[in-house]
């Protein structure tokens, strides 16, 4: 008896990759802050205001793709999908 799960192995792999990319984007945005005693011009660096957010955005997009990803089904699965659920044998 085959159980129908919402996600398959490939979905989980893509989800984990997306989370890793998001974490990498947030790491790229970190750095030393500007304090009252010292001004740090690094808060306006390209890495912190452009590259980091873009990497995090790519991670969020990849998670959306991972959720919507559907692997091609085999011919036996296609036949089962054409039968309405209320007419299937249990």
PDB file of N, CA and C in Angstrom:
ATOM      1  N   UNK A   1       0.836  -1.171   0.000  1.00  0.00           N
ATOM      2  CA  UNK A   1       0.000   0.000   0.000  1.00  0.00           C
ATOM      3  C   UNK A   1       0.891   1.247   0.000  1.00  0.00           C
ATOM      4  N   UNK A   2       0.719   2.079  -0.993  1.00  0.00           N
ATOM      5  CA  UNK A   2       1.526   3.280  -1.119  1.00  0.00           C
ATOM      6  C   UNK A   2       0.833   4.436  -0.405  1.00  0.00           C
ATOM      7  N   UNK A   3       1.595   5.110   0.439  1.00  0.00           N
ATOM      8  CA  UNK A   3       1.048   6.264   1.137  1.00  0.00           C
ATOM      9  C   UNK A   3       1.339   7.512   0.307  1.00  0.00           C
ATOM     10  N   UNK A   4       0.375   8.365   0.203  1.00  0.00           N
ATOM     11  CA  UNK A   4       0.543   9.603  -0.548  1.00  0.00           C
ATOM     12  C   UNK A   4       0.901  10.739   0.403  1.00  0.00           C
ATOM     13  N   UNK A   5       2.146  11.141   0.357  1.00  0.00           N
ATOM     14  CA  UNK A   5       2.607  12.253   1.158  1.00  0.00           C
ATOM     15  C   UNK A   5       2.559  13.517   0.318  1.00  0.00           C
ATOM     16  N   UNK A   6       2.492  14.648   0.976  1.00  0.00           N
ATOM     17  CA  UNK A   6       2.436  15.919   0.257  1.00  0.00           C
ATOM     18  C   UNK A   6       3.759  16.195  -0.455  1.00  0.00           C
ATOM     19  N   UNK A   7       4.870  15.876   0.191  1.00  0.00           N
ATOM     20  CA  UNK A   7       6.185  16.121  -0.386  1.00  0.00           C
ATOM     21  C   UNK A   7       6.902  14.817  -0.642  1.00  0.00           C
ATOM     22  N   UNK A   8       7.804  14.869  -1.614  1.00  0.00           N
ATOM     23  CA  UNK A   8       8.679  13.739  -1.894  1.00  0.00           C
ATOM     24  C   UNK A   8      10.090  14.111  -1.483  1.00  0.00           C
ATOM     25  N   UNK A   9      11.016  13.197  -1.714  1.00  0.00           N
ATOM     26  CA  UNK A   9      12.401  13.402  -1.295  1.00  0.00           C
ATOM     27  C   UNK A   9      12.996  14.659  -1.933  1.00  0.00           C
ATOM     28  N   UNK A  10      12.719  14.878  -3.213  1.00  0.00           N
ATOM     29  CA  UNK A  10      13.272  16.036  -3.916  1.00  0.00           C
ATOM     30  C   UNK A  10      12.748  17.342  -3.321  1.00  0.00           C
ATOM     31  N   UNK A  11      11.489  17.368  -2.894  1.00  0.00           N
ATOM     32  CA  UNK A  11      10.939  18.563  -2.269  1.00  0.00           C
ATOM     33  C   UNK A  11      11.700  18.911  -0.993  1.00  0.00           C
ATOM     34  N   UNK A  12      11.992  17.903  -0.187  1.00  0.00           N
ATOM     35  CA  UNK A  12      12.714  18.146   1.054  1.00  0.00           C
ATOM     36  C   UNK A  12      14.145  18.611   0.791  1.00  0.00           C
ATOM     37  N   UNK A  13      14.777  18.059  -0.214  1.00  0.00           N
ATOM     38  CA  UNK A  13      16.137  18.488  -0.555  1.00  0.00           C
ATOM     39  C   UNK A  13      16.136  19.951  -0.985  1.00  0.00           C
ATOM     40  N   UNK A  14      15.167  20.327  -1.822  1.00  0.00           N
ATOM     41  CA  UNK A  14      15.080  21.716  -2.268  1.00  0.00           C
ATOM     42  C   UNK A  14      14.727  22.661  -1.119  1.00  0.00           C
ATOM     43  N   UNK A  15      13.878  22.217  -0.195  1.00  0.00           N
ATOM     44  CA  UNK A  15      13.541  23.041   0.966  1.00  0.00           C
ATOM     45  C   UNK A  15      14.765  23.289   1.844  1.00  0.00           C
ATOM     46  N   UNK A  16      15.525  22.244   2.095  1.00  0.00           N
ATOM     47  CA  UNK A  16      16.727  22.396   2.924  1.00  0.00           C
ATOM     48  C   UNK A  16      17.734  23.317   2.240  1.00  0.00           C
ATOM     49  N   UNK A  17      17.891  23.171   0.927  1.00  0.00           N
ATOM     50  CA  UNK A  17      18.806  24.051   0.190  1.00  0.00           C
ATOM     51  C   UNK A  17      18.339  25.501   0.270  1.00  0.00           C
ATOM     52  N   UNK A  18      17.041  25.724   0.168  1.00  0.00           N
ATOM     53  CA  UNK A  18      16.510  27.084   0.275  1.00  0.00           C
ATOM     54  C   UNK A  18      16.759  27.698   1.642  1.00  0.00           C
ATOM     55  N   UNK A  19      16.586  26.921   2.689  1.00  0.00           N
ATOM     56  CA  UNK A  19      16.828  27.420   4.044  1.00  0.00           C
ATOM     57  C   UNK A  19      18.303  27.760   4.227  1.00  0.00           C
ATOM     58  N   UNK A  20      19.186  26.931   3.685  1.00  0.00           N
ATOM     59  CA  UNK A  20      20.626  27.199   3.781  1.00  0.00           C
ATOM     60  C   UNK A  20      20.973  28.493   3.047  1.00  0.00           C
ATOM     61  N   UNK A  21      20.370  28.724   1.889  1.00  0.00           N
ATOM     62  CA  UNK A  21      20.640  29.949   1.130  1.00  0.00           C
ATOM     63  C   UNK A  21      20.120  31.171   1.897  1.00  0.00           C
ATOM     64  N   UNK A  22      18.966  31.056   2.536  1.00  0.00           N
ATOM     65  CA  UNK A  22      18.442  32.172   3.336  1.00  0.00           C
ATOM     66  C   UNK A  22      19.379  32.480   4.496  1.00  0.00           C
ATOM     67  N   UNK A  23      19.847  31.454   5.173  1.00  0.00           N
ATOM     68  CA  UNK A  23      20.776  31.661   6.292  1.00  0.00           C
ATOM     69  C   UNK A  23      22.056  32.329   5.795  1.00  0.00           C
ATOM     70  N   UNK A  24      22.549  31.903   4.638  1.00  0.00           N
ATOM     71  CA  UNK A  24      23.741  32.525   4.056  1.00  0.00           C
ATOM     72  C   UNK A  24      23.488  34.006   3.761  1.00  0.00           C
ATOM     73  N   UNK A  25      22.311  34.336   3.243  1.00  0.00           N
ATOM     74  CA  UNK A  25      21.979  35.739   2.978  1.00  0.00           C
ATOM     75  C   UNK A  25      21.968  36.577   4.243  1.00  0.00           C
ATOM     76  N   UNK A  26      21.407  36.026   5.320  1.00  0.00           N
ATOM     77  CA  UNK A  26      21.395  36.771   6.580  1.00  0.00           C
ATOM     78  C   UNK A  26      22.796  36.896   7.165  1.00  0.00           C
ATOM     79  N   UNK A  27      23.632  35.897   6.981  1.00  0.00           N
ATOM     80  CA  UNK A  27      25.022  35.995   7.449  1.00  0.00           C
ATOM     81  C   UNK A  27      25.757  37.090   6.676  1.00  0.00           C
ATOM     82  N   UNK A  28      25.477  37.189   5.371  1.00  0.00           N
ATOM     83  CA  UNK A  28      26.114  38.244   4.576  1.00  0.00           C
ATOM     84  C   UNK A  28      25.677  39.640   5.024  1.00  0.00           C
ATOM     85  N   UNK A  29      24.500  39.766   5.605  1.00  0.00           N
ATOM     86  CA  UNK A  29      24.014  41.071   6.055  1.00  0.00           C
ATOM     87  C   UNK A  29      24.544  41.471   7.425  1.00  0.00           C
ATOM     88  N   UNK A  30      25.197  40.556   8.125  1.00  0.00           N
ATOM     89  CA  UNK A  30      25.682  40.883   9.465  1.00  0.00           C
ATOM     90  C   UNK A  30      26.989  41.651   9.403  1.00  0.00           C
ATOM     91  N   UNK A  31      27.319  42.305  10.485  1.00  0.00           N
ATOM     92  CA  UNK A  31      28.569  43.046  10.588  1.00  0.00           C
ATOM     93  C   UNK A  31      28.548  43.933  11.818  1.00  0.00           C
ATOM     94  N   UNK A  32      29.610  44.652  11.984  1.00  0.00           N
ATOM     95  CA  UNK A  32      29.730  45.539  13.136  1.00  0.00           C
ATOM     96  C   UNK A  32      28.793  46.736  12.965  1.00  0.00           C
ATOM     97  N   UNK A  33      28.087  47.113  14.032  1.00  0.00           N
ATOM     98  CA  UNK A  33      27.159  48.245  13.929  1.00  0.00           C
ATOM     99  C   UNK A  33      27.859  49.578  14.154  1.00  0.00           C
ATOM    100  N   UNK A  34      27.150  50.635  13.856  1.00  0.00           N
ATOM    101  CA  UNK A  34      27.606  51.970  14.197  1.00  0.00           C
ATOM    102  C   UNK A  34      27.127  52.277  15.608  1.00  0.00           C
ATOM    103  N   UNK A  35      28.034  52.783  16.437  1.00  0.00           N
ATOM    104  CA  UNK A  35      27.682  53.117  17.815  1.00  0.00           C
ATOM    105  C   UNK A  35      27.740  54.626  18.000  1.00  0.00           C
ATOM    106  N   UNK A  36      27.374  55.092  19.185  1.00  0.00           N
ATOM    107  CA  UNK A  36      27.450  56.526  19.478  1.00  0.00           C
ATOM    108  C   UNK A  36      28.885  57.012  19.543  1.00  0.00           C
ATOM    109  N   UNK A  37      29.797  56.106  19.870  1.00  0.00           N
ATOM    110  CA  UNK A  37      31.200  56.495  19.993  1.00  0.00           C
ATOM    111  C   UNK A  37      31.937  56.453  18.652  1.00  0.00           C
ATOM    112  N   UNK A  38      31.523  55.552  17.753  1.00  0.00           N
ATOM    113  CA  UNK A  38      32.268  55.410  16.498  1.00  0.00           C
ATOM    114  C   UNK A  38      31.312  55.152  15.333  1.00  0.00           C
ATOM    115  N   UNK A  39      31.576  55.826  14.224  1.00  0.00           N
ATOM    116  CA  UNK A  39      30.786  55.631  13.014  1.00  0.00           C
ATOM    117  C   UNK A  39      31.450  54.530  12.183  1.00  0.00           C
ATOM    118  N   UNK A  40      30.653  53.588  11.733  1.00  0.00           N
ATOM    119  CA  UNK A  40      31.170  52.498  10.924  1.00  0.00           C
ATOM    120  C   UNK A  40      30.575  52.609   9.515  1.00  0.00           C
ATOM    121  N   UNK A  41      31.354  53.037   8.538  1.00  0.00           N
ATOM    122  CA  UNK A  41      30.812  53.185   7.176  1.00  0.00           C
ATOM    123  C   UNK A  41      30.511  51.843   6.500  1.00  0.00           C
ATOM    124  N   UNK A  42      30.914  50.746   7.127  1.00  0.00           N
ATOM    125  CA  UNK A  42      30.671  49.421   6.549  1.00  0.00           C
ATOM    126  C   UNK A  42      29.185  49.063   6.548  1.00  0.00           C
ATOM    127  N   UNK A  43      28.352  49.804   7.296  1.00  0.00           N
ATOM    128  CA  UNK A  43      26.920  49.495   7.302  1.00  0.00           C
ATOM    129  C   UNK A  43      26.285  49.771   5.942  1.00  0.00           C
ATOM    130  N   UNK A  44      26.953  50.543   5.112  1.00  0.00           N
ATOM    131  CA  UNK A  44      26.439  50.842   3.775  1.00  0.00           C
ATOM    132  C   UNK A  44      27.207  50.106   2.683  1.00  0.00           C
ATOM    133  N   UNK A  45      27.881  49.022   3.037  1.00  0.00           N
ATOM    134  CA  UNK A  45      28.650  48.280   2.032  1.00  0.00           C
ATOM    135  C   UNK A  45      27.710  47.521   1.098  1.00  0.00           C
ATOM    136  N   UNK A  46      28.189  47.241  -0.074  1.00  0.00           N
ATOM    137  CA  UNK A  46      27.399  46.522  -1.083  1.00  0.00           C
ATOM    138  C   UNK A  46      27.029  45.132  -0.592  1.00  0.00           C
ATOM    139  N   UNK A  47      27.918  44.507   0.113  1.00  0.00           N
ATOM    140  CA  UNK A  47      27.644  43.166   0.631  1.00  0.00           C
ATOM    141  C   UNK A  47      26.454  43.169   1.576  1.00  0.00           C
ATOM    142  N   UNK A  48      26.338  44.195   2.410  1.00  0.00           N
ATOM    143  CA  UNK A  48      25.288  44.220   3.431  1.00  0.00           C
ATOM    144  C   UNK A  48      23.949  44.744   2.926  1.00  0.00           C
ATOM    145  N   UNK A  49      23.938  45.638   1.928  1.00  0.00           N
ATOM    146  CA  UNK A  49      22.656  46.208   1.505  1.00  0.00           C
ATOM    147  C   UNK A  49      22.186  45.722   0.143  1.00  0.00           C
ATOM    148  N   UNK A  50      23.033  44.999  -0.596  1.00  0.00           N
ATOM    149  CA  UNK A  50      22.614  44.510  -1.916  1.00  0.00           C
ATOM    150  C   UNK A  50      22.745  42.990  -2.012  1.00  0.00           C
ATOM    151  N   UNK A  51      23.941  42.479  -1.806  1.00  0.00           N
ATOM    152  CA  UNK A  51      24.208  41.060  -2.028  1.00  0.00           C
ATOM    153  C   UNK A  51      23.476  40.191  -1.003  1.00  0.00           C
ATOM    154  N   UNK A  52      23.556  40.535   0.274  1.00  0.00           N
ATOM    155  CA  UNK A  52      22.895  39.752   1.320  1.00  0.00           C
ATOM    156  C   UNK A  52      21.388  39.641   1.110  1.00  0.00           C
ATOM    157  N   UNK A  53      20.677  40.764   0.913  1.00  0.00           N
ATOM    158  CA  UNK A  53      19.236  40.662   0.674  1.00  0.00           C
ATOM    159  C   UNK A  53      18.877  39.909  -0.606  1.00  0.00           C
ATOM    160  N   UNK A  54      19.676  40.054  -1.648  1.00  0.00           N
ATOM    161  CA  UNK A  54      19.396  39.327  -2.895  1.00  0.00           C
ATOM    162  C   UNK A  54      19.566  37.824  -2.700  1.00  0.00           C
ATOM    163  N   UNK A  55      20.582  37.417  -1.946  1.00  0.00           N
ATOM    164  CA  UNK A  55      20.794  35.989  -1.674  1.00  0.00           C
ATOM    165  C   UNK A  55      19.634  35.445  -0.839  1.00  0.00           C
ATOM    166  N   UNK A  56      19.198  36.211   0.157  1.00  0.00           N
ATOM    167  CA  UNK A  56      18.066  35.775   0.972  1.00  0.00           C
ATOM    168  C   UNK A  56      16.796  35.689   0.124  1.00  0.00           C
ATOM    169  N   UNK A  57      16.584  36.642  -0.772  1.00  0.00           N
ATOM    170  CA  UNK A  57      15.420  36.603  -1.659  1.00  0.00           C
ATOM    171  C   UNK A  57      15.456  35.368  -2.558  1.00  0.00           C
ATOM    172  N   UNK A  58      16.630  35.030  -3.068  1.00  0.00           N
ATOM    173  CA  UNK A  58      16.759  33.806  -3.872  1.00  0.00           C
ATOM    174  C   UNK A  58      16.422  32.568  -3.040  1.00  0.00           C
ATOM    175  N   UNK A  59      16.779  32.586  -1.770  1.00  0.00           N
ATOM    176  CA  UNK A  59      16.430  31.479  -0.894  1.00  0.00           C
ATOM    177  C   UNK A  59      14.931  31.347  -0.717  1.00  0.00           C
ATOM    178  N   UNK A  60      14.240  32.477  -0.531  1.00  0.00           N
ATOM    179  CA  UNK A  60      12.787  32.431  -0.397  1.00  0.00           C
ATOM    180  C   UNK A  60      12.122  31.964  -1.690  1.00  0.00           C
ATOM    181  N   UNK A  61      12.640  32.402  -2.819  1.00  0.00           N
ATOM    182  CA  UNK A  61      12.092  31.958  -4.107  1.00  0.00           C
ATOM    183  C   UNK A  61      12.322  30.463  -4.291  1.00  0.00           C
ATOM    184  N   UNK A  62      13.489  29.977  -3.888  1.00  0.00           N
ATOM    185  CA  UNK A  62      13.757  28.545  -4.029  1.00  0.00           C
ATOM    186  C   UNK A  62      12.861  27.711  -3.112  1.00  0.00           C
ATOM    187  N   UNK A  63      12.466  28.246  -1.969  1.00  0.00           N
ATOM    188  CA  UNK A  63      11.530  27.529  -1.105  1.00  0.00           C
ATOM    189  C   UNK A  63      10.159  27.451  -1.764  1.00  0.00           C
ATOM    190  N   UNK A  64       9.737  28.521  -2.415  1.00  0.00           N
ATOM    191  CA  UNK A  64       8.459  28.490  -3.135  1.00  0.00           C
ATOM    192  C   UNK A  64       8.509  27.448  -4.243  1.00  0.00           C
ATOM    193  N   UNK A  65       9.620  27.405  -4.962  1.00  0.00           N
ATOM    194  CA  UNK A  65       9.784  26.395  -6.018  1.00  0.00           C
ATOM    195  C   UNK A  65       9.764  24.993  -5.419  1.00  0.00           C
ATOM    196  N   UNK A  66      10.398  24.820  -4.273  1.00  0.00           N
ATOM    197  CA  UNK A  66      10.430  23.499  -3.617  1.00  0.00           C
ATOM    198  C   UNK A  66       9.038  23.052  -3.209  1.00  0.00           C
ATOM    199  N   UNK A  67       8.218  23.978  -2.768  1.00  0.00           N
ATOM    200  CA  UNK A  67       6.851  23.624  -2.383  1.00  0.00           C
ATOM    201  C   UNK A  67       6.024  23.244  -3.602  1.00  0.00           C
ATOM    202  N   UNK A  68       6.224  23.943  -4.705  1.00  0.00           N
ATOM    203  CA  UNK A  68       5.429  23.698  -5.908  1.00  0.00           C
ATOM    204  C   UNK A  68       5.994  22.583  -6.787  1.00  0.00           C
ATOM    205  N   UNK A  69       7.206  22.110  -6.488  1.00  0.00           N
ATOM    206  CA  UNK A  69       7.867  21.096  -7.320  1.00  0.00           C
ATOM    207  C   UNK A  69       7.064  19.807  -7.335  1.00  0.00           C
ATOM    208  N   UNK A  70       6.872  19.275  -8.521  1.00  0.00           N
ATOM    209  CA  UNK A  70       6.176  17.998  -8.652  1.00  0.00           C
ATOM    210  C   UNK A  70       6.976  17.120  -9.602  1.00  0.00           C
ATOM    211  N   UNK A  71       7.368  15.957  -9.139  1.00  0.00           N
ATOM    212  CA  UNK A  71       8.145  15.054  -9.973  1.00  0.00           C
ATOM    213  C   UNK A  71       7.233  14.388 -10.992  1.00  0.00           C
ATOM    214  N   UNK A  72       7.755  14.084 -12.159  1.00  0.00           N
ATOM    215  CA  UNK A  72       6.929  13.402 -13.160  1.00  0.00           C
ATOM    216  C   UNK A  72       6.472  12.041 -12.638  1.00  0.00           C
ATOM    217  N   UNK A  73       5.199  11.749 -12.826  1.00  0.00           N
ATOM    218  CA  UNK A  73       4.677  10.483 -12.316  1.00  0.00           C
ATOM    219  C   UNK A  73       4.784   9.400 -13.372  1.00  0.00           C
ATOM    220  N   UNK A  74       4.756   8.167 -12.918  1.00  0.00           N
ATOM    221  CA  UNK A  74       4.838   7.015 -13.816  1.00  0.00           C
ATOM    222  C   UNK A  74       3.480   6.765 -14.440  1.00  0.00           C
ATOM    223  N   UNK A  75       3.415   5.903 -15.439  1.00  0.00           N
ATOM    224  CA  UNK A  75       2.153   5.659 -16.149  1.00  0.00           C
ATOM    225  C   UNK A  75       1.101   5.044 -15.230  1.00  0.00           C
ATOM    226  N   UNK A  76       1.506   4.215 -14.271  1.00  0.00           N
ATOM    227  CA  UNK A  76       0.546   3.612 -13.345  1.00  0.00           C
ATOM    228  C   UNK A  76      -0.067   4.679 -12.447  1.00  0.00           C
ATOM    229  N   UNK A  77       0.751   5.645 -12.057  1.00  0.00           N
ATOM    230  CA  UNK A  77       0.233   6.726 -11.224  1.00  0.00           C
ATOM    231  C   UNK A  77      -0.749   7.600 -12.002  1.00  0.00           C
ATOM    232  N   UNK A  78      -0.496   7.791 -13.295  1.00  0.00           N
ATOM    233  CA  UNK A  78      -1.388   8.617 -14.104  1.00  0.00           C
ATOM    234  C   UNK A  78      -2.761   7.975 -14.224  1.00  0.00           C
ATOM    235  N   UNK A  79      -2.803   6.664 -14.374  1.00  0.00           N
ATOM    236  CA  UNK A  79      -4.089   5.993 -14.473  1.00  0.00           C
ATOM    237  C   UNK A  79      -4.868   6.120 -13.177  1.00  0.00           C
ATOM    238  N   UNK A  80      -4.168   6.038 -12.059  1.00  0.00           N
ATOM    239  CA  UNK A  80      -4.837   6.153 -10.763  1.00  0.00           C
ATOM    240  C   UNK A  80      -5.362   7.567 -10.557  1.00  0.00           C
ATOM    241  N   UNK A  81      -4.631   8.560 -11.074  1.00  0.00           N
ATOM    242  CA  UNK A  81      -5.050   9.943 -10.897  1.00  0.00           C
ATOM    243  C   UNK A  81      -6.305  10.280 -11.697  1.00  0.00           C
ATOM    244  N   UNK A  82      -6.585   9.539 -12.753  1.00  0.00           N
ATOM    245  CA  UNK A  82      -7.763   9.848 -13.551  1.00  0.00           C
ATOM    246  C   UNK A  82      -9.045   9.287 -12.944  1.00  0.00           C
ATOM    247  N   UNK A  83      -8.925   8.349 -12.014  1.00  0.00           N
ATOM    248  CA  UNK A  83     -10.090   7.778 -11.361  1.00  0.00           C
ATOM    249  C   UNK A  83     -10.464   8.674 -10.184  1.00  0.00           C
ATOM    250  N   UNK A  84     -11.725   9.104 -10.080  1.00  0.00           N
ATOM    251  CA  UNK A  84     -12.104   9.943  -8.946  1.00  0.00           C
ATOM    252  C   UNK A  84     -11.877   9.220  -7.613  1.00  0.00           C
ATOM    253  N   UNK A  85     -11.556   9.980  -6.601  1.00  0.00           N
ATOM    254  CA  UNK A  85     -11.181   9.386  -5.313  1.00  0.00           C
ATOM    255  C   UNK A  85     -12.298   8.542  -4.707  1.00  0.00           C
ATOM    256  N   UNK A  86     -13.534   8.862  -4.976  1.00  0.00           N
ATOM    257  CA  UNK A  86     -14.624   8.111  -4.370  1.00  0.00           C
ATOM    258  C   UNK A  86     -14.881   6.779  -5.064  1.00  0.00           C
ATOM    259  N   UNK A  87     -14.282   6.579  -6.237  1.00  0.00           N
ATOM    260  CA  UNK A  87     -14.449   5.319  -6.946  1.00  0.00           C
ATOM    261  C   UNK A  87     -13.235   4.398  -6.789  1.00  0.00           C
ATOM    262  N   UNK A  88     -12.208   4.843  -6.096  1.00  0.00           N
ATOM    263  CA  UNK A  88     -11.004   4.041  -5.928  1.00  0.00           C
ATOM    264  C   UNK A  88     -11.219   2.961  -4.884  1.00  0.00           C
ATOM    265  N   UNK A  89     -10.521   1.848  -5.103  1.00  0.00           N
ATOM    266  CA  UNK A  89     -10.563   0.784  -4.112  1.00  0.00           C
ATOM    267  C   UNK A  89      -9.668   1.137  -2.948  1.00  0.00           C
ATOM    268  N   UNK A  90     -10.056   0.708  -1.771  1.00  0.00           N
ATOM    269  CA  UNK A  90      -9.261   1.050  -0.589  1.00  0.00           C
ATOM    270  C   UNK A  90      -8.511  -0.109  -0.074  1.00  0.00           C
TER     271      UNK A  90
END
